Every structure is written in structure tokens, then in C-alpha cells.
N, C-alpha and C. Protein backbone atom coordinates (compact mmCIF):
# COMPACT_ATOMS: atom_id res chain seq x y z
N MET A 1 -51.57 15.18 355.58
CA MET A 1 -50.63 16.12 355.00
C MET A 1 -49.44 16.26 355.93
N HIS A 2 -48.25 16.12 355.39
CA HIS A 2 -47.04 16.27 356.18
C HIS A 2 -46.52 17.68 356.00
N GLY A 3 -45.84 18.17 356.98
CA GLY A 3 -45.27 19.51 356.85
C GLY A 3 -44.87 20.06 358.19
N CYS A 4 -44.29 21.19 358.14
CA CYS A 4 -43.81 21.86 359.33
C CYS A 4 -43.95 23.35 359.10
N ALA A 5 -44.70 24.02 359.92
CA ALA A 5 -44.89 25.46 359.75
C ALA A 5 -43.88 26.28 360.53
N ALA A 6 -43.05 25.62 361.31
CA ALA A 6 -42.06 26.36 362.10
C ALA A 6 -41.08 27.07 361.18
N PRO A 7 -40.59 28.26 361.58
CA PRO A 7 -39.64 28.99 360.74
C PRO A 7 -38.42 28.16 360.35
N SER A 8 -37.97 27.27 361.22
CA SER A 8 -36.78 26.47 360.91
C SER A 8 -37.04 25.48 359.78
N CYS A 9 -38.30 25.16 359.50
CA CYS A 9 -38.64 24.20 358.45
C CYS A 9 -39.00 24.86 357.13
N ARG A 10 -39.25 26.14 357.11
CA ARG A 10 -39.73 26.80 355.89
C ARG A 10 -38.77 26.64 354.73
N LYS A 11 -37.48 26.70 354.99
CA LYS A 11 -36.51 26.60 353.90
C LYS A 11 -36.64 25.27 353.16
N THR A 12 -36.93 24.19 353.86
CA THR A 12 -37.04 22.89 353.20
C THR A 12 -38.35 22.73 352.46
N MET A 13 -39.36 23.56 352.73
CA MET A 13 -40.65 23.44 352.07
C MET A 13 -40.68 24.15 350.72
N VAL A 14 -39.74 25.01 350.43
CA VAL A 14 -39.70 25.76 349.18
C VAL A 14 -39.18 24.87 348.06
N ALA A 15 -39.87 24.88 346.93
CA ALA A 15 -39.41 24.10 345.77
C ALA A 15 -38.12 24.73 345.24
N ARG A 16 -37.15 23.90 345.00
CA ARG A 16 -35.88 24.40 344.48
C ARG A 16 -35.97 24.53 342.96
N THR A 17 -35.75 25.74 342.48
CA THR A 17 -35.81 26.01 341.04
C THR A 17 -34.51 26.58 340.51
N ASN A 18 -33.51 26.68 341.35
CA ASN A 18 -32.22 27.22 340.95
C ASN A 18 -31.12 26.29 341.41
N LEU A 19 -30.28 25.88 340.48
CA LEU A 19 -29.14 25.02 340.78
C LEU A 19 -27.88 25.83 340.53
N LEU A 20 -27.13 26.09 341.58
CA LEU A 20 -25.95 26.94 341.51
C LEU A 20 -24.70 26.13 341.77
N VAL A 21 -23.67 26.38 340.98
CA VAL A 21 -22.38 25.70 341.13
C VAL A 21 -21.34 26.76 341.43
N THR A 22 -20.60 26.57 342.50
CA THR A 22 -19.56 27.53 342.87
C THR A 22 -18.23 26.81 343.01
N GLY A 23 -17.18 27.58 343.04
CA GLY A 23 -15.84 27.03 343.20
C GLY A 23 -14.81 28.08 342.82
N PRO A 24 -13.57 27.83 343.15
CA PRO A 24 -12.52 28.80 342.84
C PRO A 24 -12.26 28.87 341.33
N PRO A 25 -11.64 29.97 340.88
CA PRO A 25 -11.28 30.07 339.46
C PRO A 25 -10.45 28.86 339.04
N GLY A 26 -10.74 28.34 337.86
CA GLY A 26 -9.99 27.20 337.34
C GLY A 26 -10.45 25.85 337.84
N SER A 27 -11.56 25.80 338.60
CA SER A 27 -12.03 24.52 339.15
C SER A 27 -12.88 23.72 338.18
N GLY A 28 -13.24 24.30 337.04
CA GLY A 28 -14.03 23.58 336.05
C GLY A 28 -15.50 23.93 336.01
N LYS A 29 -15.87 25.08 336.58
CA LYS A 29 -17.29 25.47 336.60
C LYS A 29 -17.85 25.63 335.18
N THR A 30 -17.12 26.33 334.33
CA THR A 30 -17.60 26.55 332.96
C THR A 30 -17.69 25.23 332.20
N THR A 31 -16.69 24.38 332.35
CA THR A 31 -16.73 23.07 331.68
C THR A 31 -17.93 22.27 332.16
N LEU A 32 -18.19 22.28 333.45
CA LEU A 32 -19.33 21.56 334.00
C LEU A 32 -20.64 22.08 333.40
N ILE A 33 -20.80 23.39 333.39
CA ILE A 33 -22.03 23.99 332.87
C ILE A 33 -22.24 23.63 331.40
N THR A 34 -21.20 23.70 330.60
CA THR A 34 -21.36 23.39 329.17
C THR A 34 -21.68 21.91 328.98
N ARG A 35 -21.11 21.03 329.79
CA ARG A 35 -21.42 19.60 329.68
C ARG A 35 -22.86 19.30 330.10
N VAL A 36 -23.34 19.97 331.14
CA VAL A 36 -24.73 19.78 331.56
C VAL A 36 -25.66 20.29 330.46
N ALA A 37 -25.36 21.44 329.88
CA ALA A 37 -26.19 21.97 328.79
C ALA A 37 -26.22 21.00 327.62
N GLU A 38 -25.10 20.37 327.31
CA GLU A 38 -25.06 19.36 326.24
C GLU A 38 -25.94 18.17 326.58
N ALA A 39 -25.92 17.75 327.84
CA ALA A 39 -26.71 16.60 328.27
C ALA A 39 -28.22 16.87 328.18
N PHE A 40 -28.61 18.14 328.29
CA PHE A 40 -30.02 18.52 328.25
C PHE A 40 -30.34 19.27 326.95
N ALA A 41 -29.65 18.94 325.88
CA ALA A 41 -29.75 19.67 324.62
C ALA A 41 -31.17 19.73 324.06
N GLY A 42 -32.02 18.77 324.37
CA GLY A 42 -33.39 18.78 323.85
C GLY A 42 -34.33 19.72 324.58
N ARG A 43 -33.89 20.27 325.69
CA ARG A 43 -34.74 21.17 326.49
C ARG A 43 -34.61 22.60 325.97
N PRO A 44 -35.64 23.42 326.21
CA PRO A 44 -35.60 24.80 325.71
C PRO A 44 -34.76 25.73 326.60
N PHE A 45 -33.46 25.53 326.56
CA PHE A 45 -32.54 26.37 327.34
C PHE A 45 -32.16 27.63 326.57
N GLY A 46 -32.02 28.70 327.29
CA GLY A 46 -31.40 29.92 326.78
C GLY A 46 -30.26 30.23 327.72
N GLY A 47 -29.35 31.04 327.28
CA GLY A 47 -28.28 31.44 328.18
C GLY A 47 -26.95 31.53 327.51
N PHE A 48 -25.91 31.58 328.34
CA PHE A 48 -24.57 31.82 327.81
C PHE A 48 -23.52 31.27 328.76
N TYR A 49 -22.31 31.19 328.23
CA TYR A 49 -21.15 30.89 329.05
C TYR A 49 -20.05 31.86 328.66
N THR A 50 -19.01 31.92 329.46
CA THR A 50 -17.91 32.83 329.19
C THR A 50 -16.66 32.06 328.77
N GLU A 51 -15.86 32.71 327.96
CA GLU A 51 -14.56 32.17 327.55
C GLU A 51 -13.50 33.21 327.86
N GLU A 52 -12.35 32.73 328.25
CA GLU A 52 -11.22 33.65 328.46
C GLU A 52 -10.75 34.18 327.11
N ILE A 53 -10.37 35.43 327.10
CA ILE A 53 -9.67 36.03 325.97
C ILE A 53 -8.21 36.08 326.37
N ARG A 54 -7.36 35.42 325.62
CA ARG A 54 -5.94 35.37 325.94
C ARG A 54 -5.15 36.13 324.88
N GLU A 55 -4.23 36.95 325.34
CA GLU A 55 -3.34 37.70 324.46
C GLU A 55 -1.92 37.53 324.98
N GLU A 56 -1.06 37.09 324.10
CA GLU A 56 0.35 36.85 324.46
C GLU A 56 0.47 35.93 325.68
N GLY A 57 -0.39 34.92 325.73
CA GLY A 57 -0.34 33.93 326.80
C GLY A 57 -0.96 34.36 328.12
N ARG A 58 -1.53 35.56 328.17
CA ARG A 58 -2.13 36.07 329.42
C ARG A 58 -3.61 36.35 329.22
N ARG A 59 -4.35 36.16 330.31
CA ARG A 59 -5.78 36.48 330.24
C ARG A 59 -5.94 37.98 330.13
N ALA A 60 -6.67 38.41 329.08
CA ALA A 60 -6.89 39.83 328.85
C ALA A 60 -8.36 40.22 328.99
N GLY A 61 -9.24 39.24 329.06
CA GLY A 61 -10.65 39.56 329.17
C GLY A 61 -11.53 38.33 329.10
N PHE A 62 -12.83 38.59 328.91
CA PHE A 62 -13.81 37.52 328.87
C PHE A 62 -14.81 37.77 327.75
N ALA A 63 -15.03 36.74 326.93
CA ALA A 63 -16.03 36.78 325.86
C ALA A 63 -17.28 36.05 326.32
N LEU A 64 -18.40 36.42 325.73
CA LEU A 64 -19.69 35.79 326.00
C LEU A 64 -20.06 34.92 324.80
N VAL A 65 -20.56 33.72 325.06
CA VAL A 65 -20.97 32.80 323.99
C VAL A 65 -22.38 32.31 324.31
N GLY A 66 -23.34 32.60 323.41
CA GLY A 66 -24.71 32.14 323.59
C GLY A 66 -24.85 30.67 323.24
N PHE A 67 -25.66 29.95 323.98
CA PHE A 67 -25.85 28.52 323.71
C PHE A 67 -26.53 28.28 322.36
N GLU A 68 -27.27 29.25 321.87
CA GLU A 68 -27.92 29.12 320.56
C GLU A 68 -27.23 29.99 319.51
N GLY A 69 -26.01 30.39 319.78
CA GLY A 69 -25.28 31.27 318.87
C GLY A 69 -25.17 32.67 319.45
N GLY A 70 -24.38 33.48 318.83
CA GLY A 70 -24.16 34.84 319.30
C GLY A 70 -22.95 34.92 320.19
N ARG A 71 -22.21 35.99 320.01
CA ARG A 71 -21.02 36.25 320.82
C ARG A 71 -21.01 37.70 321.24
N GLY A 72 -20.33 37.98 322.33
CA GLY A 72 -20.20 39.34 322.80
C GLY A 72 -18.97 39.47 323.68
N LEU A 73 -18.71 40.69 324.08
CA LEU A 73 -17.58 40.98 324.96
C LEU A 73 -18.14 41.36 326.32
N LEU A 74 -17.64 40.72 327.36
CA LEU A 74 -18.04 41.07 328.72
C LEU A 74 -17.07 42.05 329.34
N ALA A 75 -15.79 41.73 329.28
CA ALA A 75 -14.79 42.57 329.96
C ALA A 75 -13.44 42.40 329.29
N HIS A 76 -12.61 43.46 329.42
CA HIS A 76 -11.27 43.42 328.84
C HIS A 76 -10.40 44.42 329.58
N THR A 77 -9.11 44.15 329.56
CA THR A 77 -8.16 45.06 330.23
C THR A 77 -8.11 46.42 329.54
N ARG A 78 -8.47 46.49 328.26
CA ARG A 78 -8.41 47.76 327.51
C ARG A 78 -9.69 48.59 327.61
N ILE A 79 -10.69 48.10 328.31
CA ILE A 79 -11.93 48.86 328.48
C ILE A 79 -11.76 49.78 329.68
N GLY A 80 -12.03 51.07 329.48
CA GLY A 80 -11.96 52.04 330.57
C GLY A 80 -13.33 52.21 331.20
N GLY A 81 -13.43 53.18 332.07
CA GLY A 81 -14.72 53.51 332.67
C GLY A 81 -14.83 53.07 334.11
N PRO A 82 -15.97 53.43 334.72
CA PRO A 82 -16.16 53.18 336.15
C PRO A 82 -16.50 51.74 336.52
N CYS A 83 -16.98 50.96 335.58
CA CYS A 83 -17.38 49.58 335.89
C CYS A 83 -16.18 48.66 335.73
N ARG A 84 -15.55 48.34 336.84
CA ARG A 84 -14.31 47.57 336.81
C ARG A 84 -14.34 46.46 337.85
N VAL A 85 -13.70 45.36 337.50
CA VAL A 85 -13.45 44.27 338.44
C VAL A 85 -11.98 43.95 338.28
N GLY A 86 -11.20 44.34 339.27
CA GLY A 86 -9.75 44.18 339.17
C GLY A 86 -9.22 44.97 337.99
N LYS A 87 -8.44 44.33 337.15
CA LYS A 87 -7.84 45.01 335.99
C LYS A 87 -8.77 45.07 334.78
N TYR A 88 -9.97 44.49 334.89
CA TYR A 88 -10.88 44.39 333.76
C TYR A 88 -11.95 45.47 333.80
N GLY A 89 -12.13 46.15 332.68
CA GLY A 89 -13.26 47.05 332.50
C GLY A 89 -14.42 46.25 331.94
N VAL A 90 -15.62 46.49 332.46
CA VAL A 90 -16.80 45.73 332.05
C VAL A 90 -17.58 46.54 331.01
N ASP A 91 -17.90 45.91 329.89
CA ASP A 91 -18.69 46.53 328.82
C ASP A 91 -20.17 46.28 329.13
N VAL A 92 -20.74 47.09 330.00
CA VAL A 92 -22.11 46.88 330.46
C VAL A 92 -23.10 47.03 329.31
N GLU A 93 -22.95 48.07 328.49
CA GLU A 93 -23.87 48.26 327.36
C GLU A 93 -23.79 47.09 326.39
N GLY A 94 -22.59 46.64 326.09
CA GLY A 94 -22.42 45.49 325.20
C GLY A 94 -23.02 44.23 325.79
N PHE A 95 -22.87 44.04 327.10
CA PHE A 95 -23.43 42.87 327.77
C PHE A 95 -24.95 42.90 327.69
N GLU A 96 -25.55 44.06 327.96
CA GLU A 96 -27.00 44.15 327.90
C GLU A 96 -27.51 43.93 326.47
N ALA A 97 -26.79 44.43 325.47
CA ALA A 97 -27.17 44.19 324.07
C ALA A 97 -27.09 42.69 323.76
N PHE A 98 -26.05 42.04 324.25
CA PHE A 98 -25.89 40.59 324.05
C PHE A 98 -27.06 39.84 324.68
N LEU A 99 -27.43 40.20 325.91
CA LEU A 99 -28.56 39.53 326.58
C LEU A 99 -29.85 39.69 325.78
N GLY A 100 -30.05 40.88 325.20
CA GLY A 100 -31.22 41.10 324.35
C GLY A 100 -31.17 40.26 323.09
N ALA A 101 -30.00 40.16 322.49
CA ALA A 101 -29.84 39.40 321.24
C ALA A 101 -30.08 37.91 321.44
N ILE A 102 -29.68 37.37 322.60
CA ILE A 102 -29.90 35.93 322.82
C ILE A 102 -31.27 35.67 323.45
N ARG A 103 -32.06 36.73 323.66
CA ARG A 103 -33.43 36.61 324.17
C ARG A 103 -33.47 35.79 325.46
N LEU A 104 -32.69 36.24 326.43
CA LEU A 104 -32.53 35.49 327.68
C LEU A 104 -33.84 35.25 328.42
N ASN A 105 -34.71 36.24 328.47
CA ASN A 105 -35.98 36.09 329.19
C ASN A 105 -37.15 35.76 328.27
N ALA A 106 -36.90 35.23 327.09
CA ALA A 106 -37.95 34.93 326.13
C ALA A 106 -38.80 33.75 326.60
N PRO A 107 -40.10 33.74 326.26
CA PRO A 107 -40.97 32.63 326.65
C PRO A 107 -40.47 31.27 326.15
N GLU A 108 -39.79 31.25 325.01
CA GLU A 108 -39.30 29.97 324.50
C GLU A 108 -38.08 29.45 325.26
N HIS A 109 -37.59 30.23 326.22
CA HIS A 109 -36.46 29.82 327.05
C HIS A 109 -36.85 29.82 328.53
N PRO A 110 -37.74 28.91 328.95
CA PRO A 110 -38.11 28.89 330.36
C PRO A 110 -36.99 28.40 331.27
N TYR A 111 -36.00 27.74 330.68
CA TYR A 111 -34.85 27.26 331.46
C TYR A 111 -33.63 28.06 331.04
N ILE A 112 -32.90 28.55 332.01
CA ILE A 112 -31.78 29.46 331.74
C ILE A 112 -30.49 28.87 332.29
N VAL A 113 -29.44 28.93 331.48
CA VAL A 113 -28.11 28.49 331.88
C VAL A 113 -27.20 29.71 331.81
N ILE A 114 -26.53 30.01 332.92
CA ILE A 114 -25.67 31.20 332.99
C ILE A 114 -24.33 30.84 333.60
N ASP A 115 -23.28 31.29 332.92
CA ASP A 115 -21.92 31.19 333.44
C ASP A 115 -21.31 32.60 333.32
N GLU A 116 -21.30 33.37 334.27
CA GLU A 116 -21.52 33.12 335.68
C GLU A 116 -22.26 34.26 336.31
N ILE A 117 -22.74 34.07 337.53
CA ILE A 117 -23.27 35.16 338.33
C ILE A 117 -22.09 35.66 339.15
N GLY A 118 -21.56 36.80 338.76
CA GLY A 118 -20.38 37.34 339.42
C GLY A 118 -20.41 38.86 339.41
N ARG A 119 -19.35 39.45 339.90
CA ARG A 119 -19.30 40.91 340.02
C ARG A 119 -19.37 41.61 338.66
N MET A 120 -18.74 41.04 337.63
CA MET A 120 -18.80 41.68 336.30
C MET A 120 -20.23 41.73 335.79
N GLU A 121 -20.92 40.62 335.88
CA GLU A 121 -22.29 40.52 335.37
C GLU A 121 -23.26 41.36 336.18
N TRP A 122 -22.96 41.54 337.46
CA TRP A 122 -23.87 42.23 338.36
C TRP A 122 -24.05 43.70 338.01
N TYR A 123 -23.17 44.28 337.22
CA TYR A 123 -23.33 45.67 336.79
C TYR A 123 -24.56 45.84 335.89
N SER A 124 -25.06 44.79 335.28
CA SER A 124 -26.17 44.86 334.33
C SER A 124 -27.52 44.72 335.02
N GLN A 125 -28.36 45.73 334.87
CA GLN A 125 -29.73 45.68 335.40
C GLN A 125 -30.52 44.57 334.72
N ARG A 126 -30.35 44.44 333.42
CA ARG A 126 -31.07 43.40 332.68
C ARG A 126 -30.71 42.01 333.20
N PHE A 127 -29.45 41.81 333.50
CA PHE A 127 -28.98 40.53 334.04
C PHE A 127 -29.60 40.26 335.41
N ARG A 128 -29.63 41.27 336.27
CA ARG A 128 -30.13 41.10 337.63
C ARG A 128 -31.61 40.77 337.68
N THR A 129 -32.36 41.11 336.62
CA THR A 129 -33.81 40.87 336.63
C THR A 129 -34.21 39.64 335.82
N THR A 130 -33.25 38.79 335.46
CA THR A 130 -33.54 37.56 334.73
C THR A 130 -34.35 36.61 335.62
N THR A 131 -35.36 35.98 335.03
CA THR A 131 -36.19 35.03 335.78
C THR A 131 -36.28 33.71 335.02
N GLY A 132 -36.65 32.67 335.72
CA GLY A 132 -36.82 31.35 335.11
C GLY A 132 -36.11 30.30 335.95
N THR A 133 -36.29 29.05 335.59
CA THR A 133 -35.56 27.97 336.24
C THR A 133 -34.11 28.08 335.80
N LEU A 134 -33.22 28.09 336.76
CA LEU A 134 -31.85 28.49 336.49
C LEU A 134 -30.83 27.43 336.85
N LEU A 135 -29.88 27.24 335.95
CA LEU A 135 -28.65 26.51 336.23
C LEU A 135 -27.54 27.52 336.01
N ALA A 136 -26.73 27.76 337.02
CA ALA A 136 -25.72 28.81 336.89
C ALA A 136 -24.48 28.50 337.71
N THR A 137 -23.37 29.05 337.24
CA THR A 137 -22.20 29.11 338.09
C THR A 137 -22.29 30.43 338.83
N ILE A 138 -21.72 30.46 340.01
CA ILE A 138 -21.78 31.68 340.82
C ILE A 138 -20.44 31.85 341.52
N ALA A 139 -20.05 33.09 341.65
CA ALA A 139 -18.76 33.41 342.26
C ALA A 139 -18.64 32.78 343.65
N LEU A 140 -17.45 32.31 343.96
CA LEU A 140 -17.19 31.73 345.27
C LEU A 140 -17.39 32.78 346.36
N ARG A 141 -16.93 33.99 346.08
CA ARG A 141 -17.11 35.13 347.00
C ARG A 141 -17.59 36.31 346.17
N GLY A 142 -18.37 37.16 346.80
CA GLY A 142 -18.86 38.32 346.08
C GLY A 142 -19.53 39.30 347.01
N PRO A 143 -20.11 40.35 346.43
CA PRO A 143 -20.82 41.32 347.26
C PRO A 143 -22.04 40.67 347.91
N ALA A 144 -22.65 41.40 348.80
CA ALA A 144 -23.78 40.88 349.58
C ALA A 144 -24.89 40.33 348.69
N GLU A 145 -25.14 40.96 347.54
CA GLU A 145 -26.21 40.50 346.65
C GLU A 145 -25.93 39.09 346.14
N ILE A 146 -24.69 38.80 345.81
CA ILE A 146 -24.33 37.47 345.31
C ILE A 146 -24.40 36.44 346.44
N GLU A 147 -23.95 36.82 347.61
CA GLU A 147 -24.06 35.92 348.77
C GLU A 147 -25.52 35.62 349.08
N ALA A 148 -26.39 36.62 348.90
CA ALA A 148 -27.83 36.42 349.15
C ALA A 148 -28.43 35.43 348.15
N ILE A 149 -27.97 35.45 346.91
CA ILE A 149 -28.46 34.49 345.90
C ILE A 149 -28.10 33.08 346.34
N LYS A 150 -26.88 32.88 346.80
CA LYS A 150 -26.45 31.55 347.23
C LYS A 150 -27.25 31.05 348.43
N ALA A 151 -27.75 31.97 349.25
CA ALA A 151 -28.48 31.59 350.46
C ALA A 151 -29.98 31.45 350.24
N ARG A 152 -30.46 31.69 349.02
CA ARG A 152 -31.90 31.62 348.76
C ARG A 152 -32.46 30.24 349.05
N ALA A 153 -33.67 30.20 349.58
CA ALA A 153 -34.32 28.93 349.91
C ALA A 153 -34.64 28.11 348.66
N ASP A 154 -34.80 28.77 347.50
CA ASP A 154 -35.14 28.04 346.28
C ASP A 154 -33.91 27.61 345.48
N ALA A 155 -32.73 27.73 346.09
CA ALA A 155 -31.49 27.39 345.39
C ALA A 155 -30.79 26.20 346.05
N LEU A 156 -30.29 25.31 345.20
CA LEU A 156 -29.43 24.22 345.64
C LEU A 156 -28.02 24.59 345.21
N LEU A 157 -27.10 24.63 346.15
CA LEU A 157 -25.72 25.04 345.88
C LEU A 157 -24.81 23.83 345.88
N ARG A 158 -24.09 23.64 344.79
CA ARG A 158 -23.07 22.59 344.68
C ARG A 158 -21.72 23.28 344.59
N ALA A 159 -20.74 22.77 345.32
CA ALA A 159 -19.41 23.39 345.34
C ALA A 159 -18.37 22.48 344.71
N LEU A 160 -17.56 23.06 343.86
CA LEU A 160 -16.40 22.37 343.30
C LEU A 160 -15.19 22.75 344.14
N GLY A 161 -14.43 21.79 344.51
CA GLY A 161 -13.20 22.05 345.25
C GLY A 161 -12.11 21.21 344.64
N ARG A 162 -11.59 20.33 345.44
CA ARG A 162 -10.59 19.39 344.91
C ARG A 162 -11.23 18.40 343.95
N GLU A 163 -12.54 18.22 344.14
CA GLU A 163 -13.30 17.32 343.28
C GLU A 163 -13.35 17.91 341.87
N LYS A 164 -13.06 17.12 340.88
CA LYS A 164 -13.08 17.58 339.50
C LYS A 164 -14.52 17.66 338.99
N TRP A 165 -14.73 18.50 337.97
CA TRP A 165 -16.07 18.71 337.43
C TRP A 165 -16.71 17.40 336.97
N ASP A 166 -15.93 16.47 336.42
CA ASP A 166 -16.52 15.24 335.88
C ASP A 166 -17.08 14.33 336.98
N ARG A 167 -16.58 14.47 338.19
CA ARG A 167 -17.10 13.66 339.30
C ARG A 167 -18.44 14.18 339.81
N ILE A 168 -18.66 15.47 339.69
CA ILE A 168 -19.91 16.05 340.18
C ILE A 168 -20.97 16.12 339.08
N LEU A 169 -20.58 15.92 337.82
CA LEU A 169 -21.51 16.02 336.69
C LEU A 169 -22.75 15.14 336.85
N PRO A 170 -22.64 13.85 337.19
CA PRO A 170 -23.87 13.04 337.34
C PRO A 170 -24.83 13.59 338.40
N ALA A 171 -24.30 14.05 339.51
CA ALA A 171 -25.16 14.59 340.58
C ALA A 171 -25.85 15.87 340.12
N VAL A 172 -25.14 16.73 339.42
CA VAL A 172 -25.74 17.97 338.92
C VAL A 172 -26.83 17.65 337.90
N CYS A 173 -26.58 16.68 337.02
CA CYS A 173 -27.61 16.28 336.05
C CYS A 173 -28.85 15.72 336.75
N ARG A 174 -28.66 14.92 337.79
CA ARG A 174 -29.80 14.38 338.55
C ARG A 174 -30.57 15.52 339.23
N ASP A 175 -29.83 16.45 339.84
CA ASP A 175 -30.48 17.58 340.51
C ASP A 175 -31.32 18.38 339.51
N LEU A 176 -30.75 18.66 338.36
CA LEU A 176 -31.45 19.46 337.36
C LEU A 176 -32.66 18.71 336.81
N GLU A 177 -32.52 17.43 336.57
CA GLU A 177 -33.65 16.62 336.08
C GLU A 177 -34.80 16.65 337.08
N ALA A 178 -34.49 16.57 338.36
CA ALA A 178 -35.52 16.64 339.40
C ALA A 178 -36.22 18.00 339.40
N MET A 179 -35.47 19.07 339.17
CA MET A 179 -36.06 20.41 339.14
C MET A 179 -36.94 20.61 337.91
N LEU A 180 -36.52 20.05 336.79
CA LEU A 180 -37.26 20.25 335.54
C LEU A 180 -38.48 19.35 335.44
N GLY A 181 -38.46 18.26 336.20
CA GLY A 181 -39.60 17.35 336.25
C GLY A 181 -39.74 16.42 335.12
């Protein structure tokens, strides 16, 4: 039996069950996630991605789109209240209702695709307690909880930078295939 019980080796002994993609806004994270989900269309994925809401040529908010159907509102400049990220108010109740409607933690969805793990989504308790094998985009920077997710031993982190999403797509598909077995 091969192995290493030293604390420095423990991180490499943990099976990776979470594939996280990070990068700056506009780097193609959402496009990458949707293309990977298309490539694995036969698998029992649940989850969602976000779309910009544009009004008069400017970003005004974010819509939620379920991979198996369903739409919701995540955030908008016209939403008031205490849950805010920059100029956007977050519709936490609407987000949690959306997560329930798409049955994110349902047994028929052992694999979860999420775009994105970020400050807006973090307001939702239901979102924070999601479990399963995960493919997700994650904020480049965030509060300590988001940074802790990126540092988890069971997570493989891929970063988009100058590299376009289409160049990293084959590697992400290989990584996910290895995790799913």
C-alpha cells in the first residue's frame, strides 16, 4: 500500500469531488460551464447558470437559468433591502424558491453544475448547504467563506486568465470525467 500519513501529504490523499473554475468577470466562466454541461448532457446533472440582464445597453441584474428548465431572478439594481452586492440588490427569497423548483439537492441530481459561487449566492442558506459532486464557477475574490471553498482539499481549481475558455475546455472535461468515473 502506498501513501503518506504526514500532514503535508493529506491534501493529495483526498478524492477530488469538486471542480471549480475561477477568473475575472468577462473571462468566459459561464460559457465554459454551459459547454461542459452540454458535453455531459447524458449525465444526471442539476443546477443553473446566470445570464446578464441588460437594460438600455447596461447591465442591470442577473437572471437564473436551470439546466432542466426554469428561470428566476438573482439580483437587480431595482431591488432594495439589506442583501446587496455593489449596486445590485439580491432577491434571496426568489433565489431560494428557484433552487427548490429546480430540485438542486434531489437524489436524481447527484452531479451539480453551478454558475456561480459568489457573494450574491452566498446570502442563501439553501445554496450554502448544497451537496454532491460539483462543477462550479467561483468568484475570483470573495469573503473568507468563498476563499475557504477554493482551498478545500477535495476541490480542483482551474483559473481562466488570458487563456480563453475554449482552450481550457478539454482539460476541464477530462478533469470532470475523472471525478465522475
